[in-house]
Amino acid sequence: SHENQIHVLKDNAELELETIRKANNRKIQEIVAERIVFETQKREMEEEARGEGRVREVEAKTKAGVSLTHAKGTYLVNKVKGQQHVEEILKTADIGAQRITVEADKKAYVSIRESETGLKVAEYQAGAMVVSAEAEAEAAEALAEKRRYDLEWSRLEVQKKIANNGRKFISGEQGQAILDALIPKAGIKT
């Protein structure tokens, strides 16, 4: 009868509405879960950034301490090396602006790649040393100063190897980073 059809239609509509509600609830749960994951990732990234900031702060303090203890012995050497690198970069840039031959392009490209590779190796080694130092610091706080000294000494050795490999063509942000690392900031008047 007509009432049965209305009941059937009403029941079907309620079933469809309930299905839609359940689907919407699932979607809401998925969105909430995604939001929680996003917020967790955001907090992790913020913590990581704060941790990197702390590491950089510790590195800066360590560099300053080592620089103070070795300043008299290394000041002139670092200044001369820094000036040589600046002169090399300026000469290479002037030559490149005027006229670079195909052979010079090849050599510059190879030098840049070697420098970038050396820089990446140095960065990875430094990163590995930092991770190692952090792990050691958690295990034995009494040896923290020695580890900071050893880490800085290793970093200086890497810089020495980069500086001693002859003339290089280094440009861009990585070149500037190498140059900044090779020239001490305190006490140099150029």
C-alpha atoms as a PDB file:
ATOM      1  CA  SER A   1       0.000   0.000   0.000  1.00  0.00           C
ATOM      2  CA  HIS A   2       0.890   3.646  -0.142  1.00  0.00           C
ATOM      3  CA  GLU A   3       1.850   3.837   3.550  1.00  0.00           C
ATOM      4  CA  ASN A   4       4.201   0.879   3.132  1.00  0.00           C
ATOM      5  CA  GLN A   5       5.860   2.589   0.182  1.00  0.00           C
ATOM      6  CA  ILE A   6       6.254   5.758   2.241  1.00  0.00           C
ATOM      7  CA  HIS A   7       7.708   3.686   5.090  1.00  0.00           C
ATOM      8  CA  VAL A   8      10.084   1.938   2.689  1.00  0.00           C
ATOM      9  CA  LEU A   9      11.147   5.256   1.142  1.00  0.00           C
ATOM     10  CA  LYS A  10      11.556   6.777   4.589  1.00  0.00           C
ATOM     11  CA  ASP A  11      13.629   3.792   5.777  1.00  0.00           C
ATOM     12  CA  ASN A  12      15.764   3.940   2.614  1.00  0.00           C
ATOM     13  CA  ALA A  13      16.304   7.664   3.078  1.00  0.00           C
ATOM     14  CA  GLU A  14      17.293   7.144   6.714  1.00  0.00           C
ATOM     15  CA  LEU A  15      19.697   4.378   5.669  1.00  0.00           C
ATOM     16  CA  GLU A  16      21.252   6.610   3.005  1.00  0.00           C
ATOM     17  CA  LEU A  17      21.472   9.479   5.493  1.00  0.00           C
ATOM     18  CA  GLU A  18      23.114   7.194   8.037  1.00  0.00           C
ATOM     19  CA  THR A  19      25.557   5.951   5.374  1.00  0.00           C
ATOM     20  CA  ILE A  20      26.415   9.548   4.500  1.00  0.00           C
ATOM     21  CA  ARG A  21      26.864  10.389   8.181  1.00  0.00           C
ATOM     22  CA  LYS A  22      29.178   7.426   8.675  1.00  0.00           C
ATOM     23  CA  ALA A  23      31.168   8.357   5.566  1.00  0.00           C
ATOM     24  CA  ASN A  24      31.406  11.947   6.764  1.00  0.00           C
ATOM     25  CA  ASN A  25      32.484  10.778  10.233  1.00  0.00           C
ATOM     26  CA  ARG A  26      35.200   8.619   8.644  1.00  0.00           C
ATOM     27  CA  LYS A  27      36.364  11.561   6.556  1.00  0.00           C
ATOM     28  CA  ILE A  28      36.396  13.771   9.650  1.00  0.00           C
ATOM     29  CA  GLN A  29      38.432  11.139  11.500  1.00  0.00           C
ATOM     30  CA  GLU A  30      40.863  10.936   8.565  1.00  0.00           C
ATOM     31  CA  ILE A  31      41.197  14.721   8.459  1.00  0.00           C
ATOM     32  CA  VAL A  32      41.719  14.865  12.225  1.00  0.00           C
ATOM     33  CA  ALA A  33      44.332  12.101  11.961  1.00  0.00           C
ATOM     34  CA  GLU A  34      46.092  13.938   9.122  1.00  0.00           C
ATOM     35  CA  ARG A  35      46.002  17.124  11.171  1.00  0.00           C
ATOM     36  CA  ILE A  36      47.542  15.326  14.149  1.00  0.00           C
ATOM     37  CA  VAL A  37      50.264  13.892  11.902  1.00  0.00           C
ATOM     38  CA  PHE A  38      50.894  17.339  10.412  1.00  0.00           C
ATOM     39  CA  GLU A  39      51.071  18.968  13.844  1.00  0.00           C
ATOM     40  CA  THR A  40      53.414  16.226  15.053  1.00  0.00           C
ATOM     41  CA  GLN A  41      55.648  16.694  12.017  1.00  0.00           C
ATOM     42  CA  LYS A  42      55.562  20.448  12.536  1.00  0.00           C
ATOM     43  CA  ARG A  43      56.610  20.057  16.185  1.00  0.00           C
ATOM     44  CA  GLU A  44      59.365  17.646  15.139  1.00  0.00           C
ATOM     45  CA  MET A  45      60.626  20.116  12.527  1.00  0.00           C
ATOM     46  CA  GLU A  46      60.535  22.937  15.058  1.00  0.00           C
ATOM     47  CA  GLU A  47      62.434  20.799  17.577  1.00  0.00           C
ATOM     48  CA  GLU A  48      64.931  19.842  14.897  1.00  0.00           C
ATOM     49  CA  ALA A  49      65.420  23.494  13.981  1.00  0.00           C
ATOM     50  CA  ARG A  50      65.907  24.408  17.644  1.00  0.00           C
ATOM     51  CA  GLY A  51      68.361  21.534  17.999  1.00  0.00           C
ATOM     52  CA  GLU A  52      70.301  22.662  14.942  1.00  0.00           C
ATOM     53  CA  GLY A  53      70.371  26.153  16.402  1.00  0.00           C
ATOM     54  CA  ARG A  54      71.782  24.806  19.648  1.00  0.00           C
ATOM     55  CA  VAL A  55      74.369  22.771  17.721  1.00  0.00           C
ATOM     56  CA  ARG A  56      75.369  25.859  15.742  1.00  0.00           C
ATOM     57  CA  GLU A  57      75.608  27.851  18.951  1.00  0.00           C
ATOM     58  CA  VAL A  58      77.843  25.189  20.528  1.00  0.00           C
ATOM     59  CA  GLU A  59      79.925  25.020  17.348  1.00  0.00           C
ATOM     60  CA  ALA A  60      80.307  28.794  17.328  1.00  0.00           C
ATOM     61  CA  LYS A  61      81.392  28.818  20.978  1.00  0.00           C
ATOM     62  CA  THR A  62      83.806  25.963  20.312  1.00  0.00           C
ATOM     63  CA  LYS A  63      85.271  27.729  17.282  1.00  0.00           C
ATOM     64  CA  ALA A  64      85.709  30.893  19.320  1.00  0.00           C
ATOM     65  CA  GLY A  65      87.471  29.006  22.117  1.00  0.00           C
ATOM     66  CA  VAL A  66      89.821  27.200  19.752  1.00  0.00           C
ATOM     67  CA  SER A  67      90.491  30.422  17.871  1.00  0.00           C
ATOM     68  CA  LEU A  68      91.474  32.168  21.099  1.00  0.00           C
ATOM     69  CA  THR A  69      93.867  29.411  22.141  1.00  0.00           C
ATOM     70  CA  HIS A  70      95.481  29.111  18.708  1.00  0.00           C
ATOM     71  CA  ALA A  71      95.168  32.714  17.519  1.00  0.00           C
ATOM     72  CA  LYS A  72      98.856  33.680  17.847  1.00  0.00           C
ATOM     73  CA  GLY A  73     100.064  30.657  15.878  1.00  0.00           C
ATOM     74  CA  THR A  74      97.454  30.602  13.123  1.00  0.00           C
ATOM     75  CA  TYR A  75      96.592  34.264  12.554  1.00  0.00           C
ATOM     76  CA  LEU A  76      99.179  35.060   9.880  1.00  0.00           C
ATOM     77  CA  VAL A  77      98.832  31.727   8.077  1.00  0.00           C
ATOM     78  CA  ASN A  78      95.041  32.005   7.857  1.00  0.00           C
ATOM     79  CA  LYS A  79      95.242  35.643   6.763  1.00  0.00           C
ATOM     80  CA  VAL A  80      97.690  34.855   3.952  1.00  0.00           C
ATOM     81  CA  LYS A  81      95.680  31.838   2.811  1.00  0.00           C
ATOM     82  CA  GLY A  82      92.492  33.876   2.895  1.00  0.00           C
ATOM     83  CA  GLN A  83      94.045  36.654   0.840  1.00  0.00           C
ATOM     84  CA  GLN A  84      95.363  34.130  -1.669  1.00  0.00           C
ATOM     85  CA  HIS A  85      91.921  32.581  -2.050  1.00  0.00           C
ATOM     86  CA  VAL A  86      90.322  35.993  -2.465  1.00  0.00           C
ATOM     87  CA  GLU A  87      92.900  36.933  -5.105  1.00  0.00           C
ATOM     88  CA  GLU A  88      92.388  33.634  -6.933  1.00  0.00           C
ATOM     89  CA  ILE A  89      88.623  34.038  -6.935  1.00  0.00           C
ATOM     90  CA  LEU A  90      88.825  37.669  -8.092  1.00  0.00           C
ATOM     91  CA  LYS A  91      91.295  36.843 -10.873  1.00  0.00           C
ATOM     92  CA  THR A  92      89.183  33.922 -12.030  1.00  0.00           C
ATOM     93  CA  ALA A  93      86.046  36.077 -11.954  1.00  0.00           C
ATOM     94  CA  ASP A  94      87.782  38.866 -13.941  1.00  0.00           C
ATOM     95  CA  ILE A  95      89.051  36.406 -16.535  1.00  0.00           C
ATOM     96  CA  GLY A  96      85.610  34.813 -16.784  1.00  0.00           C
ATOM     97  CA  ALA A  97      83.948  38.212 -17.244  1.00  0.00           C
ATOM     98  CA  GLN A  98      86.385  39.176 -20.027  1.00  0.00           C
ATOM     99  CA  ARG A  99      86.773  35.944 -21.968  1.00  0.00           C
ATOM    100  CA  ILE A 100      86.868  32.277 -20.929  1.00  0.00           C
ATOM    101  CA  THR A 101      88.105  29.623 -23.296  1.00  0.00           C
ATOM    102  CA  VAL A 102      86.517  26.203 -23.602  1.00  0.00           C
ATOM    103  CA  GLU A 103      89.458  24.621 -21.803  1.00  0.00           C
ATOM    104  CA  ALA A 104      89.155  27.069 -18.894  1.00  0.00           C
ATOM    105  CA  ASP A 105      85.438  26.249 -18.662  1.00  0.00           C
ATOM    106  CA  LYS A 106      86.239  22.562 -18.378  1.00  0.00           C
ATOM    107  CA  LYS A 107      88.883  23.130 -15.702  1.00  0.00           C
ATOM    108  CA  ALA A 108      86.639  25.489 -13.729  1.00  0.00           C
ATOM    109  CA  TYR A 109      83.771  23.001 -13.892  1.00  0.00           C
ATOM    110  CA  VAL A 110      85.996  20.168 -12.674  1.00  0.00           C
ATOM    111  CA  SER A 111      87.451  22.368  -9.912  1.00  0.00           C
ATOM    112  CA  ILE A 112      83.986  23.432  -8.763  1.00  0.00           C
ATOM    113  CA  ARG A 113      82.797  19.834  -8.680  1.00  0.00           C
ATOM    114  CA  GLU A 114      85.897  18.730  -6.790  1.00  0.00           C
ATOM    115  CA  SER A 115      85.463  21.600  -4.346  1.00  0.00           C
ATOM    116  CA  GLU A 116      81.765  20.850  -3.902  1.00  0.00           C
ATOM    117  CA  THR A 117      82.576  17.183  -3.406  1.00  0.00           C
ATOM    118  CA  GLY A 118      85.260  18.113  -0.881  1.00  0.00           C
ATOM    119  CA  LEU A 119      82.833  20.466   0.816  1.00  0.00           C
ATOM    120  CA  LYS A 120      80.094  17.816   0.934  1.00  0.00           C
ATOM    121  CA  VAL A 121      82.559  15.277   2.320  1.00  0.00           C
ATOM    122  CA  ALA A 122      83.664  17.826   4.903  1.00  0.00           C
ATOM    123  CA  GLU A 123      80.047  18.655   5.768  1.00  0.00           C
ATOM    124  CA  TYR A 124      79.136  14.984   6.126  1.00  0.00           C
ATOM    125  CA  GLN A 125      82.254  14.322   8.183  1.00  0.00           C
ATOM    126  CA  ALA A 126      81.475  17.345  10.344  1.00  0.00           C
ATOM    127  CA  GLY A 127      77.856  16.188  10.677  1.00  0.00           C
ATOM    128  CA  ALA A 128      79.003  12.706  11.636  1.00  0.00           C
ATOM    129  CA  MET A 129      81.411  14.198  14.160  1.00  0.00           C
ATOM    130  CA  VAL A 130      78.652  16.342  15.638  1.00  0.00           C
ATOM    131  CA  VAL A 131      76.317  13.346  15.965  1.00  0.00           C
ATOM    132  CA  SER A 132      79.133  11.312  17.490  1.00  0.00           C
ATOM    133  CA  ALA A 133      79.996  14.138  19.876  1.00  0.00           C
ATOM    134  CA  GLU A 134      76.370  14.511  20.948  1.00  0.00           C
ATOM    135  CA  ALA A 135      76.113  10.792  21.664  1.00  0.00           C
ATOM    136  CA  GLU A 136      79.330  10.883  23.660  1.00  0.00           C
ATOM    137  CA  ALA A 137      78.142  13.966  25.545  1.00  0.00           C
ATOM    138  CA  GLU A 138      75.058  12.137  26.724  1.00  0.00           C
ATOM    139  CA  ALA A 139      77.175   9.180  27.841  1.00  0.00           C
ATOM    140  CA  ALA A 140      80.047  11.033  29.534  1.00  0.00           C
ATOM    141  CA  GLU A 141      79.754  14.768  30.250  1.00  0.00           C
ATOM    142  CA  ALA A 142      83.232  14.869  31.784  1.00  0.00           C
ATOM    143  CA  LEU A 143      84.853  14.476  28.319  1.00  0.00           C
ATOM    144  CA  ALA A 144      82.780  17.192  26.599  1.00  0.00           C
ATOM    145  CA  GLU A 145      85.563  19.806  26.354  1.00  0.00           C
ATOM    146  CA  LYS A 146      88.047  17.330  24.832  1.00  0.00           C
ATOM    147  CA  ARG A 147      85.485  16.214  22.249  1.00  0.00           C
ATOM    148  CA  ARG A 148      84.758  19.826  21.264  1.00  0.00           C
ATOM    149  CA  TYR A 149      88.495  20.420  20.854  1.00  0.00           C
ATOM    150  CA  ASP A 150      88.931  17.210  18.769  1.00  0.00           C
ATOM    151  CA  LEU A 151      85.928  18.108  16.600  1.00  0.00           C
ATOM    152  CA  GLU A 152      87.271  21.601  15.885  1.00  0.00           C
ATOM    153  CA  TRP A 153      90.729  20.239  15.215  1.00  0.00           C
ATOM    154  CA  SER A 154      89.296  17.760  12.666  1.00  0.00           C
ATOM    155  CA  ARG A 155      87.307  20.541  11.008  1.00  0.00           C
ATOM    156  CA  LEU A 156      90.491  22.627  10.755  1.00  0.00           C
ATOM    157  CA  GLU A 157      92.324  19.639   9.213  1.00  0.00           C
ATOM    158  CA  VAL A 158      89.596  19.341   6.548  1.00  0.00           C
ATOM    159  CA  GLN A 159      89.901  23.059   5.837  1.00  0.00           C
ATOM    160  CA  LYS A 160      93.677  22.699   5.618  1.00  0.00           C
ATOM    161  CA  LYS A 161      93.291  19.906   3.045  1.00  0.00           C
ATOM    162  CA  ILE A 162      90.892  22.001   0.998  1.00  0.00           C
ATOM    163  CA  ALA A 163      93.213  25.022   1.221  1.00  0.00           C
ATOM    164  CA  ASN A 164      96.339  23.020   0.305  1.00  0.00           C
ATOM    165  CA  ASN A 165      94.920  21.438  -2.872  1.00  0.00           C
ATOM    166  CA  GLY A 166      96.133  24.291  -5.086  1.00  0.00           C
ATOM    167  CA  ARG A 167      94.153  26.854  -6.957  1.00  0.00           C
ATOM    168  CA  LYS A 168      90.411  26.284  -7.146  1.00  0.00           C
ATOM    169  CA  PHE A 169      87.582  28.074  -8.886  1.00  0.00           C
ATOM    170  CA  ILE A 170      84.851  28.372  -6.310  1.00  0.00           C
ATOM    171  CA  SER A 171      81.731  30.437  -6.752  1.00  0.00           C
ATOM    172  CA  GLY A 172      78.262  30.902  -5.336  1.00  0.00           C
ATOM    173  CA  GLU A 173      77.080  30.326  -1.812  1.00  0.00           C
ATOM    174  CA  GLN A 174      79.250  27.246  -1.281  1.00  0.00           C
ATOM    175  CA  GLY A 175      82.338  29.122  -2.411  1.00  0.00           C
ATOM    176  CA  GLN A 176      81.515  31.965  -0.048  1.00  0.00           C
ATOM    177  CA  ALA A 177      80.957  29.449   2.779  1.00  0.00           C
ATOM    178  CA  ILE A 178      84.404  27.895   2.182  1.00  0.00           C
ATOM    179  CA  LEU A 179      85.991  31.335   2.019  1.00  0.00           C
ATOM    180  CA  ASP A 180      84.260  32.422   5.233  1.00  0.00           C
ATOM    181  CA  ALA A 181      85.394  29.229   6.959  1.00  0.00           C
ATOM    182  CA  LEU A 182      89.036  29.766   5.921  1.00  0.00           C
ATOM    183  CA  ILE A 183      89.244  33.419   7.034  1.00  0.00           C
ATOM    184  CA  PRO A 184      88.983  33.993  10.797  1.00  0.00           C
ATOM    185  CA  LYS A 185      86.488  36.710  11.663  1.00  0.00           C
ATOM    186  CA  ALA A 186      88.116  38.108  14.811  1.00  0.00           C
ATOM    187  CA  GLY A 187      91.149  40.361  14.558  1.00  0.00           C
ATOM    188  CA  ILE A 188      91.690  40.389  10.786  1.00  0.00           C
ATOM    189  CA  LYS A 189      91.887  43.787   9.155  1.00  0.00           C
ATOM    190  CA  THR A 190      91.625  43.729   5.383  1.00  0.00           C
END
